[in-house]
Amino acid sequence: YASTTLSISLASSPSNVSNPVNMTNIQIGIILFVIGSLGNLYHHYLLASLRSNTSSLSGKKKYMAPKGGMFEYVAAPHYFFELVAWIGIALASHQLTAYLNFISMTCYLMARSYNQNQWNKKKFEEKEWPSSRMNMIPFLY
């Protein structure tokens, strides 16, 4: 996210803002970035709250299946929302490098979410982690 401010400021320079299509892209991009960032933060909060509930008497780590939010549908909703934020950055900046970064992050996070889902299916019972649960994008992947 470090380049977000620079990308958006370059995209919103006076020559770009005068074009209504570009201003609309910037507005939609900022909205998507905020939604993605807040969704990512919320799901990380849900994951972090599991740590306080997982201490056992023996001192060993006890894994618990995440619940709440979009964890009911996918293994890695925080990855999904990260991609929403990245596409927001790409739309707002309208820079080729931002779109390429979105594509790169999509490929990377799709593989990570697949592996996370496979691990969860092995670790948890069907009741805790249904085998029909998607990896990252609800109802699709």
N, C-alpha and C. Protein backbone atom coordinates (compact mmCIF):
# COMPACT_ATOMS: atom_id res chain seq x y z
N TYR A 1 0.79 -1.19 0.00
CA TYR A 1 0.00 0.00 0.00
C TYR A 1 0.84 1.27 0.00
N ALA A 2 2.14 1.10 0.07
CA ALA A 2 3.01 2.26 0.18
C ALA A 2 2.89 3.19 -1.02
N SER A 3 2.66 2.63 -2.17
CA SER A 3 2.59 3.47 -3.37
C SER A 3 1.19 4.01 -3.64
N THR A 4 0.23 3.70 -2.79
CA THR A 4 -1.15 4.12 -3.03
C THR A 4 -1.28 5.63 -3.15
N THR A 5 -0.75 6.35 -2.20
CA THR A 5 -0.89 7.81 -2.20
C THR A 5 -0.27 8.41 -3.44
N LEU A 6 0.93 7.96 -3.79
CA LEU A 6 1.60 8.48 -4.97
C LEU A 6 0.81 8.16 -6.23
N SER A 7 0.34 6.92 -6.34
CA SER A 7 -0.41 6.52 -7.54
C SER A 7 -1.69 7.33 -7.69
N ILE A 8 -2.43 7.49 -6.59
CA ILE A 8 -3.68 8.23 -6.67
C ILE A 8 -3.42 9.71 -6.95
N SER A 9 -2.38 10.25 -6.34
CA SER A 9 -2.10 11.67 -6.59
C SER A 9 -1.66 11.90 -8.03
N LEU A 10 -0.92 10.96 -8.60
CA LEU A 10 -0.54 11.09 -10.01
C LEU A 10 -1.77 10.98 -10.91
N ALA A 11 -2.65 10.04 -10.57
CA ALA A 11 -3.85 9.85 -11.38
C ALA A 11 -4.81 11.02 -11.25
N SER A 12 -4.77 11.71 -10.12
CA SER A 12 -5.71 12.82 -9.91
C SER A 12 -5.08 14.18 -10.19
N SER A 13 -4.02 14.18 -10.98
CA SER A 13 -3.43 15.45 -11.36
C SER A 13 -4.45 16.24 -12.18
N PRO A 14 -4.32 17.55 -12.25
CA PRO A 14 -5.34 18.38 -12.93
C PRO A 14 -5.71 17.91 -14.33
N SER A 15 -4.76 17.38 -15.08
CA SER A 15 -5.09 16.95 -16.44
C SER A 15 -5.96 15.70 -16.43
N ASN A 16 -5.82 14.85 -15.42
CA ASN A 16 -6.63 13.64 -15.36
C ASN A 16 -7.99 13.87 -14.71
N VAL A 17 -8.09 14.75 -13.75
CA VAL A 17 -9.34 14.98 -13.03
C VAL A 17 -10.38 15.63 -13.91
N SER A 18 -9.96 16.44 -14.87
CA SER A 18 -10.92 17.12 -15.74
C SER A 18 -11.72 16.14 -16.58
N ASN A 19 -11.22 14.94 -16.79
CA ASN A 19 -11.94 13.93 -17.54
C ASN A 19 -12.88 13.21 -16.57
N PRO A 20 -14.22 13.27 -16.78
CA PRO A 20 -15.16 12.69 -15.82
C PRO A 20 -14.99 11.18 -15.65
N VAL A 21 -14.56 10.49 -16.69
CA VAL A 21 -14.35 9.05 -16.58
C VAL A 21 -13.24 8.76 -15.58
N ASN A 22 -12.15 9.51 -15.65
CA ASN A 22 -11.05 9.32 -14.73
C ASN A 22 -11.46 9.65 -13.30
N MET A 23 -12.23 10.71 -13.10
CA MET A 23 -12.67 11.07 -11.75
C MET A 23 -13.57 9.98 -11.18
N THR A 24 -14.42 9.41 -12.02
CA THR A 24 -15.28 8.30 -11.58
C THR A 24 -14.43 7.10 -11.19
N ASN A 25 -13.41 6.79 -11.99
CA ASN A 25 -12.51 5.69 -11.66
C ASN A 25 -11.83 5.93 -10.32
N ILE A 26 -11.41 7.14 -10.09
CA ILE A 26 -10.74 7.48 -8.82
C ILE A 26 -11.71 7.28 -7.66
N GLN A 27 -12.94 7.77 -7.81
CA GLN A 27 -13.91 7.64 -6.72
C GLN A 27 -14.26 6.18 -6.45
N ILE A 28 -14.51 5.42 -7.49
CA ILE A 28 -14.81 3.99 -7.33
C ILE A 28 -13.60 3.27 -6.73
N GLY A 29 -12.42 3.61 -7.21
CA GLY A 29 -11.21 2.99 -6.70
C GLY A 29 -11.00 3.26 -5.21
N ILE A 30 -11.25 4.48 -4.79
CA ILE A 30 -11.09 4.82 -3.37
C ILE A 30 -12.12 4.07 -2.53
N ILE A 31 -13.35 3.99 -3.01
CA ILE A 31 -14.39 3.25 -2.29
C ILE A 31 -14.00 1.79 -2.15
N LEU A 32 -13.53 1.18 -3.25
CA LEU A 32 -13.11 -0.23 -3.20
C LEU A 32 -11.91 -0.41 -2.26
N PHE A 33 -10.99 0.54 -2.29
CA PHE A 33 -9.83 0.45 -1.40
C PHE A 33 -10.27 0.48 0.06
N VAL A 34 -11.19 1.36 0.40
CA VAL A 34 -11.67 1.46 1.79
C VAL A 34 -12.41 0.18 2.19
N ILE A 35 -13.31 -0.29 1.32
CA ILE A 35 -14.04 -1.53 1.61
C ILE A 35 -13.07 -2.69 1.79
N GLY A 36 -12.11 -2.81 0.89
CA GLY A 36 -11.13 -3.89 0.97
C GLY A 36 -10.29 -3.81 2.22
N SER A 37 -9.85 -2.62 2.57
CA SER A 37 -9.02 -2.45 3.76
C SER A 37 -9.79 -2.77 5.04
N LEU A 38 -11.04 -2.29 5.12
CA LEU A 38 -11.85 -2.56 6.31
C LEU A 38 -12.22 -4.04 6.42
N GLY A 39 -12.54 -4.67 5.29
CA GLY A 39 -12.84 -6.10 5.30
C GLY A 39 -11.63 -6.92 5.71
N ASN A 40 -10.48 -6.54 5.21
CA ASN A 40 -9.23 -7.21 5.57
C ASN A 40 -8.97 -7.05 7.07
N LEU A 41 -9.11 -5.84 7.57
CA LEU A 41 -8.90 -5.57 9.00
C LEU A 41 -9.86 -6.38 9.86
N TYR A 42 -11.12 -6.42 9.50
CA TYR A 42 -12.13 -7.15 10.27
C TYR A 42 -11.79 -8.64 10.35
N HIS A 43 -11.44 -9.24 9.23
CA HIS A 43 -11.14 -10.67 9.22
C HIS A 43 -9.83 -10.98 9.93
N HIS A 44 -8.87 -10.06 9.90
CA HIS A 44 -7.66 -10.25 10.71
C HIS A 44 -8.00 -10.15 12.19
N TYR A 45 -8.93 -9.29 12.53
CA TYR A 45 -9.39 -9.20 13.92
C TYR A 45 -10.00 -10.53 14.37
N LEU A 46 -10.84 -11.12 13.52
CA LEU A 46 -11.44 -12.42 13.85
C LEU A 46 -10.36 -13.48 14.06
N LEU A 47 -9.34 -13.47 13.19
CA LEU A 47 -8.24 -14.44 13.34
C LEU A 47 -7.47 -14.19 14.63
N ALA A 48 -7.19 -12.94 14.93
CA ALA A 48 -6.43 -12.62 16.14
C ALA A 48 -7.21 -12.98 17.40
N SER A 49 -8.52 -12.85 17.35
CA SER A 49 -9.32 -13.18 18.53
C SER A 49 -9.30 -14.68 18.83
N LEU A 50 -8.97 -15.49 17.85
CA LEU A 50 -8.85 -16.93 18.08
C LEU A 50 -7.67 -17.24 19.00
N ARG A 51 -6.62 -16.46 18.92
CA ARG A 51 -5.43 -16.72 19.72
C ARG A 51 -5.72 -16.65 21.22
N SER A 52 -6.57 -15.73 21.62
CA SER A 52 -6.87 -15.61 23.05
C SER A 52 -7.74 -16.77 23.53
N ASN A 53 -8.41 -17.45 22.62
CA ASN A 53 -9.29 -18.56 22.98
C ASN A 53 -8.64 -19.93 22.81
N THR A 54 -7.38 -19.98 22.39
CA THR A 54 -6.79 -21.27 22.03
C THR A 54 -5.75 -21.78 23.02
N SER A 55 -5.60 -21.16 24.15
CA SER A 55 -4.61 -21.67 25.10
C SER A 55 -5.18 -22.88 25.81
N SER A 56 -4.39 -23.92 25.89
CA SER A 56 -4.83 -25.13 26.57
C SER A 56 -4.05 -25.29 27.87
N LEU A 57 -4.50 -26.18 28.71
CA LEU A 57 -3.85 -26.40 30.00
C LEU A 57 -2.43 -26.94 29.83
N SER A 58 -2.18 -27.71 28.78
CA SER A 58 -0.86 -28.30 28.58
C SER A 58 0.14 -27.32 27.98
N GLY A 59 -0.33 -26.15 27.55
CA GLY A 59 0.56 -25.16 26.96
C GLY A 59 0.76 -25.34 25.47
N LYS A 60 0.15 -26.39 24.89
CA LYS A 60 0.27 -26.61 23.45
C LYS A 60 -0.72 -25.71 22.71
N LYS A 61 -0.37 -25.43 21.45
CA LYS A 61 -1.29 -24.67 20.61
C LYS A 61 -2.49 -25.54 20.28
N LYS A 62 -3.65 -24.94 20.39
CA LYS A 62 -4.87 -25.62 20.00
C LYS A 62 -5.48 -24.82 18.84
N TYR A 63 -5.57 -25.45 17.69
CA TYR A 63 -6.11 -24.76 16.52
C TYR A 63 -7.64 -24.79 16.55
N MET A 64 -8.21 -23.66 16.22
CA MET A 64 -9.67 -23.56 16.13
C MET A 64 -10.02 -23.03 14.74
N ALA A 65 -11.11 -23.55 14.20
CA ALA A 65 -11.58 -23.08 12.89
C ALA A 65 -12.14 -21.67 13.04
N PRO A 66 -11.71 -20.74 12.17
CA PRO A 66 -12.26 -19.39 12.25
C PRO A 66 -13.75 -19.37 11.91
N LYS A 67 -14.46 -18.53 12.60
CA LYS A 67 -15.90 -18.39 12.38
C LYS A 67 -16.24 -16.92 12.29
N GLY A 68 -17.38 -16.64 11.67
CA GLY A 68 -17.85 -15.27 11.55
C GLY A 68 -17.44 -14.64 10.24
N GLY A 69 -18.09 -13.55 9.91
CA GLY A 69 -17.77 -12.86 8.66
C GLY A 69 -17.91 -13.79 7.48
N MET A 70 -16.99 -13.67 6.56
CA MET A 70 -17.01 -14.52 5.37
C MET A 70 -16.27 -15.84 5.56
N PHE A 71 -15.79 -16.10 6.79
CA PHE A 71 -15.17 -17.40 7.06
C PHE A 71 -16.18 -18.54 6.92
N GLU A 72 -17.46 -18.22 6.95
CA GLU A 72 -18.49 -19.25 6.77
C GLU A 72 -18.54 -19.72 5.31
N TYR A 73 -17.97 -18.94 4.40
CA TYR A 73 -18.03 -19.26 2.98
C TYR A 73 -16.68 -19.62 2.37
N VAL A 74 -15.62 -19.00 2.86
CA VAL A 74 -14.29 -19.19 2.26
C VAL A 74 -13.23 -19.37 3.34
N ALA A 75 -12.10 -19.94 2.93
CA ALA A 75 -11.00 -20.18 3.85
C ALA A 75 -10.21 -18.92 4.16
N ALA A 76 -10.14 -18.00 3.21
CA ALA A 76 -9.29 -16.83 3.39
C ALA A 76 -9.99 -15.55 2.92
N PRO A 77 -11.00 -15.10 3.67
CA PRO A 77 -11.69 -13.88 3.25
C PRO A 77 -10.81 -12.64 3.33
N HIS A 78 -9.82 -12.67 4.20
CA HIS A 78 -8.90 -11.52 4.29
C HIS A 78 -8.11 -11.37 3.00
N TYR A 79 -7.82 -12.46 2.30
CA TYR A 79 -7.16 -12.38 1.00
C TYR A 79 -8.10 -11.77 -0.04
N PHE A 80 -9.37 -12.18 0.00
CA PHE A 80 -10.36 -11.63 -0.92
C PHE A 80 -10.43 -10.11 -0.77
N PHE A 81 -10.52 -9.64 0.48
CA PHE A 81 -10.62 -8.21 0.71
C PHE A 81 -9.33 -7.48 0.37
N GLU A 82 -8.21 -8.16 0.51
CA GLU A 82 -6.95 -7.54 0.09
C GLU A 82 -6.97 -7.29 -1.41
N LEU A 83 -7.51 -8.25 -2.16
CA LEU A 83 -7.62 -8.06 -3.61
C LEU A 83 -8.61 -6.96 -3.97
N VAL A 84 -9.67 -6.83 -3.20
CA VAL A 84 -10.62 -5.72 -3.43
C VAL A 84 -9.87 -4.39 -3.26
N ALA A 85 -9.04 -4.30 -2.23
CA ALA A 85 -8.25 -3.08 -2.02
C ALA A 85 -7.28 -2.85 -3.17
N TRP A 86 -6.63 -3.91 -3.64
CA TRP A 86 -5.66 -3.75 -4.73
C TRP A 86 -6.33 -3.33 -6.04
N ILE A 87 -7.53 -3.87 -6.33
CA ILE A 87 -8.20 -3.43 -7.56
C ILE A 87 -8.65 -1.98 -7.39
N GLY A 88 -8.98 -1.59 -6.19
CA GLY A 88 -9.30 -0.18 -5.94
C GLY A 88 -8.11 0.72 -6.23
N ILE A 89 -6.94 0.30 -5.79
CA ILE A 89 -5.72 1.06 -6.07
C ILE A 89 -5.49 1.16 -7.58
N ALA A 90 -5.68 0.03 -8.26
CA ALA A 90 -5.46 0.01 -9.71
C ALA A 90 -6.44 0.94 -10.43
N LEU A 91 -7.71 0.89 -10.03
CA LEU A 91 -8.70 1.76 -10.67
C LEU A 91 -8.42 3.24 -10.40
N ALA A 92 -8.07 3.54 -9.15
CA ALA A 92 -7.83 4.94 -8.79
C ALA A 92 -6.59 5.49 -9.48
N SER A 93 -5.55 4.68 -9.56
CA SER A 93 -4.30 5.18 -10.15
C SER A 93 -4.29 5.07 -11.67
N HIS A 94 -5.00 4.07 -12.19
CA HIS A 94 -5.04 3.80 -13.62
C HIS A 94 -3.62 3.70 -14.21
N GLN A 95 -2.77 3.02 -13.45
CA GLN A 95 -1.39 2.80 -13.87
C GLN A 95 -1.20 1.33 -14.21
N LEU A 96 -0.45 1.04 -15.25
CA LEU A 96 -0.21 -0.33 -15.66
C LEU A 96 0.42 -1.14 -14.54
N THR A 97 1.36 -0.56 -13.82
CA THR A 97 2.02 -1.30 -12.75
C THR A 97 1.04 -1.70 -11.65
N ALA A 98 0.04 -0.88 -11.38
CA ALA A 98 -0.96 -1.22 -10.37
C ALA A 98 -1.82 -2.40 -10.83
N TYR A 99 -2.19 -2.41 -12.11
CA TYR A 99 -2.96 -3.54 -12.64
C TYR A 99 -2.12 -4.82 -12.65
N LEU A 100 -0.86 -4.70 -13.02
CA LEU A 100 0.03 -5.87 -12.99
C LEU A 100 0.23 -6.38 -11.57
N ASN A 101 0.32 -5.45 -10.63
CA ASN A 101 0.44 -5.85 -9.23
C ASN A 101 -0.82 -6.58 -8.77
N PHE A 102 -1.98 -6.10 -9.17
CA PHE A 102 -3.24 -6.77 -8.84
C PHE A 102 -3.25 -8.19 -9.38
N ILE A 103 -2.83 -8.35 -10.63
CA ILE A 103 -2.79 -9.69 -11.24
C ILE A 103 -1.81 -10.59 -10.48
N SER A 104 -0.66 -10.05 -10.17
CA SER A 104 0.35 -10.81 -9.43
C SER A 104 -0.17 -11.23 -8.05
N MET A 105 -0.78 -10.29 -7.33
CA MET A 105 -1.32 -10.59 -6.01
C MET A 105 -2.45 -11.61 -6.11
N THR A 106 -3.26 -11.52 -7.15
CA THR A 106 -4.34 -12.49 -7.33
C THR A 106 -3.80 -13.89 -7.47
N CYS A 107 -2.80 -14.07 -8.31
CA CYS A 107 -2.19 -15.40 -8.50
C CYS A 107 -1.58 -15.91 -7.19
N TYR A 108 -0.85 -15.05 -6.52
CA TYR A 108 -0.19 -15.43 -5.27
C TYR A 108 -1.21 -15.81 -4.19
N LEU A 109 -2.23 -14.97 -4.01
CA LEU A 109 -3.19 -15.22 -2.94
C LEU A 109 -4.14 -16.37 -3.27
N MET A 110 -4.38 -16.64 -4.55
CA MET A 110 -5.18 -17.81 -4.91
C MET A 110 -4.47 -19.09 -4.49
N ALA A 111 -3.18 -19.15 -4.73
CA ALA A 111 -2.41 -20.33 -4.32
C ALA A 111 -2.36 -20.45 -2.79
N ARG A 112 -2.16 -19.34 -2.10
CA ARG A 112 -2.12 -19.36 -0.63
C ARG A 112 -3.47 -19.80 -0.06
N SER A 113 -4.56 -19.29 -0.61
CA SER A 113 -5.88 -19.65 -0.09
C SER A 113 -6.19 -21.12 -0.35
N TYR A 114 -5.76 -21.63 -1.50
CA TYR A 114 -5.95 -23.06 -1.80
C TYR A 114 -5.23 -23.91 -0.76
N ASN A 115 -3.97 -23.59 -0.50
CA ASN A 115 -3.19 -24.35 0.48
C ASN A 115 -3.78 -24.23 1.88
N GLN A 116 -4.26 -23.05 2.24
CA GLN A 116 -4.88 -22.86 3.56
C GLN A 116 -6.13 -23.71 3.69
N ASN A 117 -6.93 -23.75 2.64
CA ASN A 117 -8.16 -24.54 2.67
C ASN A 117 -7.85 -26.03 2.77
N GLN A 118 -6.85 -26.48 2.05
CA GLN A 118 -6.47 -27.89 2.13
C GLN A 118 -6.00 -28.25 3.54
N TRP A 119 -5.20 -27.38 4.14
CA TRP A 119 -4.71 -27.62 5.50
C TRP A 119 -5.88 -27.68 6.49
N ASN A 120 -6.82 -26.73 6.34
CA ASN A 120 -7.99 -26.69 7.23
C ASN A 120 -8.84 -27.95 7.08
N LYS A 121 -9.00 -28.44 5.88
CA LYS A 121 -9.79 -29.65 5.66
C LYS A 121 -9.16 -30.86 6.33
N LYS A 122 -7.83 -30.89 6.36
CA LYS A 122 -7.13 -32.00 7.03
C LYS A 122 -7.17 -31.84 8.56
N LYS A 123 -7.09 -30.63 9.03
CA LYS A 123 -6.97 -30.35 10.46
C LYS A 123 -8.30 -30.45 11.20
N PHE A 124 -9.39 -30.04 10.58
CA PHE A 124 -10.67 -29.94 11.26
C PHE A 124 -11.66 -31.00 10.75
N GLU A 125 -12.61 -31.31 11.62
CA GLU A 125 -13.70 -32.22 11.26
C GLU A 125 -14.60 -31.56 10.22
N GLU A 126 -15.35 -32.38 9.50
CA GLU A 126 -16.29 -31.88 8.49
C GLU A 126 -17.29 -30.88 9.10
N LYS A 127 -17.68 -31.12 10.33
CA LYS A 127 -18.64 -30.24 11.02
C LYS A 127 -18.04 -28.84 11.23
N GLU A 128 -16.74 -28.78 11.55
CA GLU A 128 -16.08 -27.50 11.79
C GLU A 128 -15.67 -26.81 10.49
N TRP A 129 -15.25 -27.63 9.52
CA TRP A 129 -14.76 -27.08 8.25
C TRP A 129 -15.30 -27.91 7.09
N PRO A 130 -16.47 -27.53 6.55
CA PRO A 130 -17.08 -28.33 5.48
C PRO A 130 -16.18 -28.42 4.24
N SER A 131 -16.19 -29.58 3.64
CA SER A 131 -15.35 -29.78 2.45
C SER A 131 -15.82 -28.94 1.27
N SER A 132 -17.05 -28.44 1.34
CA SER A 132 -17.58 -27.61 0.25
C SER A 132 -17.14 -26.15 0.35
N ARG A 133 -16.43 -25.78 1.42
CA ARG A 133 -16.02 -24.38 1.61
C ARG A 133 -15.03 -23.98 0.53
N MET A 134 -15.26 -22.83 -0.06
CA MET A 134 -14.39 -22.33 -1.12
C MET A 134 -13.08 -21.81 -0.55
N ASN A 135 -12.14 -21.50 -1.44
CA ASN A 135 -10.82 -21.03 -1.02
C ASN A 135 -10.80 -19.55 -0.68
N MET A 136 -11.25 -18.70 -1.62
CA MET A 136 -11.09 -17.27 -1.42
C MET A 136 -12.29 -16.45 -1.90
N ILE A 137 -12.87 -16.81 -3.02
CA ILE A 137 -13.97 -16.02 -3.59
C ILE A 137 -15.27 -16.79 -3.37
N PRO A 138 -16.20 -16.23 -2.60
CA PRO A 138 -17.44 -16.95 -2.30
C PRO A 138 -18.15 -17.46 -3.55
N PHE A 139 -18.54 -18.72 -3.50
CA PHE A 139 -19.31 -19.40 -4.54
C PHE A 139 -18.55 -19.62 -5.85
N LEU A 140 -17.31 -19.16 -5.97
CA LEU A 140 -16.56 -19.31 -7.21
C LEU A 140 -15.26 -20.11 -7.05
N TYR A 141 -14.40 -19.66 -6.14
CA TYR A 141 -13.09 -20.29 -5.99
C TYR A 141 -12.74 -20.41 -4.53
